[in-house]
Amino acid sequence: MRNLSALGFALVAGPALATGLDITVSGEANGTVHVDLFEDVAPQHVEQITALAAEGAYDGVVFHRVIDGFMAQTGDVQFGKMGEGFDIRRAGMGGSDREDLQAEFSDKSFERGVVGMARSQNPNSANSQFFIMFAPAPHLNGGYTIVGEVTEGMDVVDAIKRGAGRNGAVVGEPDVMTKVEVTE
């Protein structure tokens, strides 16, 4: 009976627990970035981004805000998809058709390779956008939800086309997440 209970728990918990994302990037950067997700730290956020990835919502989404020495932001599934009618100036203004999420702050630190959820001034406004750190940013600690960390492909992240100005808006042809897959 004990083994059956463990099996039952594994079956119930298994589908909701994705271990990571494989993000294929093209543009100035080309290659795959693997992100280990922190289901135990930010379960609602991990569930949301893995559901969006499984639906293909992130496929074709650009890196719209990239600040050298800070971070690369992507994930606007509403306005950030390449294709007909795409306008880089609108990328970063949207989210998904899913509800915004309550913050899941933790004691984890924003270090190089950490993946955090983007949000507006409201701490409970994260939706689909996320960012990958180029360098530590302790001023973000406790103010943004951390969802994972890059474990392979930081060289690809480092090669992502940089934006211009203080806000890091990408001008011209941005780098793109051509495919985002959930890994188990």
Protein backbone atom coordinates (compact mmCIF):
# COMPACT_ATOMS: atom_id res chain seq x y z
CA MET A 1 0.00 0.00 0.00
CA ARG A 2 2.85 2.38 0.81
CA ASN A 3 4.24 2.04 -2.76
CA LEU A 4 0.80 2.67 -4.23
CA SER A 5 0.45 5.88 -2.23
CA ALA A 6 3.84 7.08 -3.44
CA LEU A 7 2.88 6.21 -7.01
CA GLY A 8 -0.44 8.05 -6.63
CA PHE A 9 1.34 11.13 -5.32
CA ALA A 10 3.84 10.99 -8.19
CA LEU A 11 1.01 10.77 -10.73
CA VAL A 12 -0.83 13.73 -9.19
CA ALA A 13 2.29 15.88 -8.70
CA GLY A 14 4.14 14.79 -11.84
CA PRO A 15 2.39 16.70 -14.64
CA ALA A 16 2.44 20.01 -12.77
CA LEU A 17 6.17 19.80 -12.06
CA ALA A 18 8.16 20.79 -15.11
CA THR A 19 11.88 20.87 -14.57
CA GLY A 20 12.87 23.41 -17.16
CA LEU A 21 12.69 25.21 -20.46
CA ASP A 22 14.80 24.85 -23.58
CA ILE A 23 14.79 28.19 -25.38
CA THR A 24 16.09 28.22 -28.96
CA VAL A 25 17.34 31.71 -29.82
CA SER A 26 18.11 33.10 -33.27
CA GLY A 27 19.45 36.43 -34.50
CA GLU A 28 22.77 37.82 -33.34
CA ALA A 29 22.64 35.02 -30.77
CA ASN A 30 22.10 31.49 -32.06
CA GLY A 31 21.71 28.42 -29.90
CA THR A 32 19.80 26.88 -27.04
CA VAL A 33 19.47 28.16 -23.50
CA HIS A 34 18.40 25.68 -20.81
CA VAL A 35 16.63 27.08 -17.76
CA ASP A 36 16.07 25.03 -14.60
CA LEU A 37 12.79 26.19 -13.07
CA PHE A 38 12.16 26.65 -9.35
CA GLU A 39 8.73 25.06 -8.83
CA ASP A 40 9.27 25.06 -5.09
CA VAL A 41 10.07 28.81 -5.01
CA ALA A 42 7.49 30.21 -7.46
CA PRO A 43 4.94 27.49 -8.27
CA GLN A 44 2.28 29.80 -9.77
CA HIS A 45 4.75 31.60 -12.01
CA VAL A 46 6.40 28.36 -13.14
CA GLU A 47 2.98 26.88 -13.91
CA GLN A 48 2.05 29.93 -15.99
CA ILE A 49 5.23 30.13 -18.07
CA THR A 50 5.35 26.36 -18.67
CA ALA A 51 1.70 26.40 -19.78
CA LEU A 52 2.46 29.26 -22.19
CA ALA A 53 5.53 27.42 -23.48
CA ALA A 54 3.58 24.16 -23.93
CA GLU A 55 0.93 26.08 -25.95
CA GLY A 56 3.64 27.52 -28.20
CA ALA A 57 2.82 31.06 -27.06
CA TYR A 58 6.50 31.99 -26.65
CA ASP A 59 7.54 30.71 -30.10
CA GLY A 60 8.52 33.69 -32.27
CA VAL A 61 8.64 36.19 -29.37
CA VAL A 62 11.45 38.76 -29.47
CA PHE A 63 13.91 40.00 -26.88
CA HIS A 64 12.59 43.57 -26.80
CA ARG A 65 14.57 45.12 -23.92
CA VAL A 66 18.24 44.23 -23.54
CA ILE A 67 20.52 46.28 -21.28
CA ASP A 68 24.23 45.49 -21.45
CA GLY A 69 25.57 44.50 -18.04
CA PHE A 70 22.04 44.06 -16.66
CA MET A 71 19.48 41.80 -18.36
CA ALA A 72 17.64 40.59 -21.50
CA GLN A 73 13.82 40.75 -21.40
CA THR A 74 11.35 38.80 -23.53
CA GLY A 75 8.02 37.01 -23.23
CA ASP A 76 5.44 39.52 -24.48
CA VAL A 77 3.16 37.00 -26.20
CA GLN A 78 0.62 39.72 -27.07
CA PHE A 79 2.78 42.30 -28.89
CA GLY A 80 6.20 40.66 -29.06
CA LYS A 81 5.65 38.01 -31.75
CA MET A 82 7.38 38.39 -35.09
CA GLY A 83 5.10 38.29 -38.10
CA GLU A 84 2.67 40.41 -40.02
CA GLY A 85 1.84 43.62 -38.20
CA PHE A 86 4.73 43.26 -35.73
CA ASP A 87 5.94 46.61 -34.39
CA ILE A 88 9.04 46.49 -32.15
CA ARG A 89 7.86 49.72 -30.48
CA ARG A 90 4.85 47.88 -29.00
CA ALA A 91 6.84 44.85 -27.82
CA GLY A 92 6.95 44.82 -24.05
CA MET A 93 3.56 46.47 -23.57
CA GLY A 94 1.56 43.27 -23.37
CA GLY A 95 1.20 39.93 -21.67
CA SER A 96 -1.01 36.94 -22.25
CA ASP A 97 -4.75 36.29 -21.91
CA ARG A 98 -4.05 34.66 -18.53
CA GLU A 99 -4.54 36.41 -15.19
CA ASP A 100 -1.69 38.44 -13.67
CA LEU A 101 0.01 36.64 -10.79
CA GLN A 102 0.47 37.39 -7.11
CA ALA A 103 4.15 37.96 -6.33
CA GLU A 104 6.11 34.95 -5.07
CA PHE A 105 9.13 36.69 -3.58
CA SER A 106 11.89 34.54 -2.09
CA ASP A 107 15.27 34.82 -0.43
CA LYS A 108 17.00 33.88 -3.70
CA SER A 109 19.30 36.52 -5.18
CA PHE A 110 19.42 38.02 -8.65
CA GLU A 111 22.77 36.67 -9.84
CA ARG A 112 24.16 36.13 -13.34
CA GLY A 113 21.91 33.66 -15.18
CA VAL A 114 18.91 34.03 -12.86
CA VAL A 115 15.51 34.29 -14.56
CA GLY A 116 12.97 36.69 -13.07
CA MET A 117 9.44 37.71 -13.96
CA ALA A 118 8.91 41.18 -15.39
CA ARG A 119 6.09 43.27 -13.96
CA SER A 120 4.75 46.82 -13.80
CA GLN A 121 4.99 48.95 -10.65
CA ASN A 122 2.35 46.70 -9.07
CA PRO A 123 4.24 43.73 -7.54
CA ASN A 124 1.27 41.48 -8.40
CA SER A 125 1.29 42.19 -12.15
CA ALA A 126 3.65 39.55 -13.58
CA ASN A 127 2.06 37.69 -16.46
CA SER A 128 4.18 36.28 -19.31
CA GLN A 129 7.30 38.45 -19.62
CA PHE A 130 10.56 37.39 -18.05
CA PHE A 131 14.20 38.45 -18.03
CA ILE A 132 17.60 36.76 -17.80
CA MET A 133 20.37 38.45 -15.82
CA PHE A 134 23.74 39.23 -17.44
CA ALA A 135 25.17 40.21 -14.05
CA PRO A 136 24.16 40.33 -10.37
CA ALA A 137 21.52 42.95 -9.48
CA PRO A 138 20.99 42.90 -5.71
CA HIS A 139 18.62 45.89 -5.92
CA LEU A 140 16.02 43.52 -7.47
CA ASN A 141 16.17 41.03 -4.57
CA GLY A 142 12.82 40.65 -2.84
CA GLY A 143 11.07 42.89 -5.37
CA TYR A 144 10.70 40.55 -8.35
CA THR A 145 9.77 36.88 -8.52
CA ILE A 146 12.64 34.54 -9.38
CA VAL A 147 11.50 31.55 -11.44
CA GLY A 148 14.72 29.78 -12.43
CA GLU A 149 18.30 29.95 -13.62
CA VAL A 150 20.23 29.28 -16.80
CA THR A 151 22.23 26.06 -16.45
CA GLU A 152 23.38 25.77 -20.09
CA GLY A 153 23.74 28.33 -22.87
CA MET A 154 24.81 31.46 -21.00
CA ASP A 155 27.10 32.09 -23.97
CA VAL A 156 23.94 32.35 -26.10
CA VAL A 157 22.37 34.78 -23.61
CA ASP A 158 25.57 36.85 -23.64
CA ALA A 159 25.33 37.15 -27.45
CA ILE A 160 21.73 38.52 -27.52
CA LYS A 161 21.50 41.81 -29.44
CA ARG A 162 21.72 44.77 -27.08
CA GLY A 163 19.22 47.59 -26.99
CA ALA A 164 19.86 51.34 -26.99
CA GLY A 165 19.41 54.04 -24.38
CA ARG A 166 18.67 53.74 -20.67
CA ASN A 167 15.63 51.51 -21.20
CA GLY A 168 17.48 49.12 -23.52
CA ALA A 169 14.86 49.16 -26.28
CA VAL A 170 16.03 47.01 -29.18
CA VAL A 171 16.12 48.83 -32.51
CA GLY A 172 15.96 47.08 -35.88
CA GLU A 173 15.95 43.30 -36.02
CA PRO A 174 15.67 41.82 -32.51
CA ASP A 175 16.79 38.37 -31.46
CA VAL A 176 13.93 35.88 -31.23
CA MET A 177 12.93 32.88 -29.16
CA THR A 178 12.15 30.69 -32.16
CA LYS A 179 11.07 27.73 -30.00
CA VAL A 180 10.46 27.33 -26.26
CA GLU A 181 9.96 23.78 -25.03
CA VAL A 182 9.16 22.43 -21.57
CA THR A 183 11.59 19.79 -20.36
CA GLU A 184 10.67 17.15 -17.81
